[in-house]
Amino acid sequence: MTEEEIDRLTSRLFVRLGLPVNRAGCRYLRCAMYILLGADCPTRLELKELYWHIARRCHTTEAGVEGTIRRTIDTVCYQGDLEVLSECFGKEDYHDDVRPTPTEFVMAIRDKLRSMYYGHL
């Protein structure tokens, strides 16, 4: 999958989730998808390693990436479309106290983008 295809699909998914695509969290998640869906992705990449790669690519810190992704998850859960969130994660019971972990969130977005990409070929 090329970066242009990832851009198109992530933008579409973020809008459906109710995320403003110009926020740093979306930029970091998009960068995560470049890494995870790119041809040169390591086969086993831990989330902490992914934060390091994103931070390096976006000229920031790992802690900044992690905190921003957590705030992005909060934004989706509090202000986003919970129906689309449930569709992505396969759970029906998201509310104030129940949110996906950063790992669940990143991997669910990756899986959703793969299904969107291969479903349209």
C-alpha atoms as a PDB file:
ATOM      1  CA  MET A   1       0.000   0.000   0.000  1.00  0.00           C
ATOM      2  CA  THR A   2       1.449   3.389  -0.957  1.00  0.00           C
ATOM      3  CA  GLU A   3       1.508   6.439   1.308  1.00  0.00           C
ATOM      4  CA  GLU A   4      -1.027   8.147  -0.969  1.00  0.00           C
ATOM      5  CA  GLU A   5      -3.437   5.225  -0.557  1.00  0.00           C
ATOM      6  CA  ILE A   6      -2.860   5.221   3.201  1.00  0.00           C
ATOM      7  CA  ASP A   7      -3.537   8.990   3.282  1.00  0.00           C
ATOM      8  CA  ARG A   8      -6.798   8.577   1.401  1.00  0.00           C
ATOM      9  CA  LEU A   9      -8.034   5.675   3.513  1.00  0.00           C
ATOM     10  CA  THR A  10      -6.984   7.132   6.870  1.00  0.00           C
ATOM     11  CA  SER A  11      -8.623  10.462   6.063  1.00  0.00           C
ATOM     12  CA  ARG A  12     -11.849   8.695   5.162  1.00  0.00           C
ATOM     13  CA  LEU A  13     -11.755   6.582   8.345  1.00  0.00           C
ATOM     14  CA  PHE A  14     -10.858   9.519  10.618  1.00  0.00           C
ATOM     15  CA  VAL A  15     -13.750  11.576   9.241  1.00  0.00           C
ATOM     16  CA  ARG A  16     -16.119   8.639   9.823  1.00  0.00           C
ATOM     17  CA  LEU A  17     -14.824   8.311  13.398  1.00  0.00           C
ATOM     18  CA  GLY A  18     -15.394  12.036  13.970  1.00  0.00           C
ATOM     19  CA  LEU A  19     -11.730  13.006  14.275  1.00  0.00           C
ATOM     20  CA  PRO A  20     -10.466  16.327  12.919  1.00  0.00           C
ATOM     21  CA  VAL A  21      -7.827  15.200  10.418  1.00  0.00           C
ATOM     22  CA  ASN A  22      -5.606  18.215  11.086  1.00  0.00           C
ATOM     23  CA  ARG A  23      -4.823  17.218  14.699  1.00  0.00           C
ATOM     24  CA  ALA A  24      -1.436  15.878  15.755  1.00  0.00           C
ATOM     25  CA  GLY A  25      -2.981  12.571  16.868  1.00  0.00           C
ATOM     26  CA  CYS A  26      -4.228  11.926  13.347  1.00  0.00           C
ATOM     27  CA  ARG A  27      -0.808  12.802  11.958  1.00  0.00           C
ATOM     28  CA  TYR A  28       0.854  10.340  14.354  1.00  0.00           C
ATOM     29  CA  LEU A  29      -1.702   7.613  13.611  1.00  0.00           C
ATOM     30  CA  ARG A  30      -1.242   8.161   9.883  1.00  0.00           C
ATOM     31  CA  CYS A  31       2.517   7.885  10.383  1.00  0.00           C
ATOM     32  CA  ALA A  32       1.957   4.642  12.327  1.00  0.00           C
ATOM     33  CA  MET A  33       0.009   3.300   9.349  1.00  0.00           C
ATOM     34  CA  TYR A  34       2.848   4.249   6.964  1.00  0.00           C
ATOM     35  CA  ILE A  35       5.144   2.163   9.151  1.00  0.00           C
ATOM     36  CA  LEU A  36       2.781  -0.773   9.819  1.00  0.00           C
ATOM     37  CA  LEU A  37       1.405  -1.059   6.290  1.00  0.00           C
ATOM     38  CA  GLY A  38       4.606  -0.194   4.471  1.00  0.00           C
ATOM     39  CA  ALA A  39       6.676  -2.770   2.643  1.00  0.00           C
ATOM     40  CA  ASP A  40       9.626  -2.424   5.018  1.00  0.00           C
ATOM     41  CA  CYS A  41       7.727  -2.972   8.274  1.00  0.00           C
ATOM     42  CA  PRO A  42       9.384  -5.385  10.701  1.00  0.00           C
ATOM     43  CA  THR A  43       7.276  -8.486  11.236  1.00  0.00           C
ATOM     44  CA  ARG A  44       7.049  -7.979  15.021  1.00  0.00           C
ATOM     45  CA  LEU A  45       6.941  -4.383  16.134  1.00  0.00           C
ATOM     46  CA  GLU A  46       6.093  -3.506  19.734  1.00  0.00           C
ATOM     47  CA  LEU A  47       4.040  -0.374  20.373  1.00  0.00           C
ATOM     48  CA  LYS A  48       6.915   1.310  22.225  1.00  0.00           C
ATOM     49  CA  GLU A  49       9.119   0.735  19.171  1.00  0.00           C
ATOM     50  CA  LEU A  50       6.379   2.147  16.980  1.00  0.00           C
ATOM     51  CA  TYR A  51       6.230   5.283  19.156  1.00  0.00           C
ATOM     52  CA  TRP A  52       9.989   5.636  18.714  1.00  0.00           C
ATOM     53  CA  HIS A  53       9.696   5.374  14.909  1.00  0.00           C
ATOM     54  CA  ILE A  54       6.818   7.891  14.836  1.00  0.00           C
ATOM     55  CA  ALA A  55       8.689  10.304  17.114  1.00  0.00           C
ATOM     56  CA  ARG A  56      11.782  10.093  14.944  1.00  0.00           C
ATOM     57  CA  ARG A  57       9.787  10.633  11.762  1.00  0.00           C
ATOM     58  CA  CYS A  58       7.732  13.523  13.208  1.00  0.00           C
ATOM     59  CA  HIS A  59      10.602  15.160  15.146  1.00  0.00           C
ATOM     60  CA  THR A  60       9.058  14.798  18.594  1.00  0.00           C
ATOM     61  CA  THR A  61       9.365  12.552  21.668  1.00  0.00           C
ATOM     62  CA  GLU A  62       7.984   9.078  22.326  1.00  0.00           C
ATOM     63  CA  ALA A  63       6.088  10.398  25.367  1.00  0.00           C
ATOM     64  CA  GLY A  64       4.552  13.117  23.221  1.00  0.00           C
ATOM     65  CA  VAL A  65       3.403  10.570  20.653  1.00  0.00           C
ATOM     66  CA  GLU A  66       1.927   8.286  23.310  1.00  0.00           C
ATOM     67  CA  GLY A  67       0.087  11.102  25.094  1.00  0.00           C
ATOM     68  CA  THR A  68      -1.286  12.509  21.854  1.00  0.00           C
ATOM     69  CA  ILE A  69      -2.556   9.101  20.728  1.00  0.00           C
ATOM     70  CA  ARG A  70      -4.237   8.619  24.133  1.00  0.00           C
ATOM     71  CA  ARG A  71      -5.953  12.023  23.792  1.00  0.00           C
ATOM     72  CA  THR A  72      -7.038  11.073  20.284  1.00  0.00           C
ATOM     73  CA  ILE A  73      -8.649   7.902  21.651  1.00  0.00           C
ATOM     74  CA  ASP A  74     -10.435  10.020  24.273  1.00  0.00           C
ATOM     75  CA  THR A  75     -11.661  12.374  21.545  1.00  0.00           C
ATOM     76  CA  VAL A  76     -13.105   9.482  19.552  1.00  0.00           C
ATOM     77  CA  CYS A  77     -14.775   7.951  22.602  1.00  0.00           C
ATOM     78  CA  TYR A  78     -16.241  11.205  23.926  1.00  0.00           C
ATOM     79  CA  GLN A  79     -17.027  13.121  20.721  1.00  0.00           C
ATOM     80  CA  GLY A  80     -16.792  10.665  17.848  1.00  0.00           C
ATOM     81  CA  ASP A  81     -19.213   8.287  16.211  1.00  0.00           C
ATOM     82  CA  LEU A  82     -19.489   5.338  18.598  1.00  0.00           C
ATOM     83  CA  GLU A  83     -21.243   3.251  15.952  1.00  0.00           C
ATOM     84  CA  VAL A  84     -18.214   3.488  13.650  1.00  0.00           C
ATOM     85  CA  LEU A  85     -15.922   2.854  16.642  1.00  0.00           C
ATOM     86  CA  SER A  86     -17.868  -0.289  17.487  1.00  0.00           C
ATOM     87  CA  GLU A  87     -17.684  -1.383  13.844  1.00  0.00           C
ATOM     88  CA  CYS A  88     -13.888  -0.968  13.840  1.00  0.00           C
ATOM     89  CA  PHE A  89     -13.316  -2.718  17.152  1.00  0.00           C
ATOM     90  CA  GLY A  90     -16.104  -5.261  17.164  1.00  0.00           C
ATOM     91  CA  LYS A  91     -17.419  -4.152  20.550  1.00  0.00           C
ATOM     92  CA  GLU A  92     -20.771  -2.591  21.295  1.00  0.00           C
ATOM     93  CA  ASP A  93     -20.189  -1.244  24.790  1.00  0.00           C
ATOM     94  CA  TYR A  94     -17.944   1.814  24.481  1.00  0.00           C
ATOM     95  CA  HIS A  95     -18.760   4.536  26.973  1.00  0.00           C
ATOM     96  CA  ASP A  96     -17.008   6.969  29.326  1.00  0.00           C
ATOM     97  CA  ASP A  97     -15.085   4.346  31.301  1.00  0.00           C
ATOM     98  CA  VAL A  98     -14.482   1.749  28.586  1.00  0.00           C
ATOM     99  CA  ARG A  99     -12.059   2.749  25.848  1.00  0.00           C
ATOM    100  CA  PRO A 100      -9.688   0.805  23.632  1.00  0.00           C
ATOM    101  CA  THR A 101      -6.058   0.742  24.705  1.00  0.00           C
ATOM    102  CA  PRO A 102      -3.555   2.478  22.420  1.00  0.00           C
ATOM    103  CA  THR A 103      -2.408  -0.923  21.149  1.00  0.00           C
ATOM    104  CA  GLU A 104      -5.984  -2.028  20.412  1.00  0.00           C
ATOM    105  CA  PHE A 105      -6.714   1.306  18.744  1.00  0.00           C
ATOM    106  CA  VAL A 106      -3.642   1.337  16.486  1.00  0.00           C
ATOM    107  CA  MET A 107      -4.026  -2.305  15.475  1.00  0.00           C
ATOM    108  CA  ALA A 108      -7.768  -1.947  14.856  1.00  0.00           C
ATOM    109  CA  ILE A 109      -7.128   1.040  12.587  1.00  0.00           C
ATOM    110  CA  ARG A 110      -4.466  -0.985  10.768  1.00  0.00           C
ATOM    111  CA  ASP A 111      -6.866  -3.905  10.308  1.00  0.00           C
ATOM    112  CA  LYS A 112      -9.711  -1.611   9.229  1.00  0.00           C
ATOM    113  CA  LEU A 113      -7.489   0.080   6.629  1.00  0.00           C
ATOM    114  CA  ARG A 114      -6.403  -3.304   5.297  1.00  0.00           C
ATOM    115  CA  SER A 115     -10.027  -4.404   4.945  1.00  0.00           C
ATOM    116  CA  MET A 116     -10.956  -1.087   3.276  1.00  0.00           C
ATOM    117  CA  TYR A 117      -8.026  -1.408   0.869  1.00  0.00           C
ATOM    118  CA  TYR A 118      -8.432  -5.048  -0.066  1.00  0.00           C
ATOM    119  CA  GLY A 119     -12.218  -4.806  -0.089  1.00  0.00           C
ATOM    120  CA  HIS A 120     -12.049  -2.246  -2.902  1.00  0.00           C
ATOM    121  CA  LEU A 121      -9.576  -3.993  -5.198  1.00  0.00           C
END
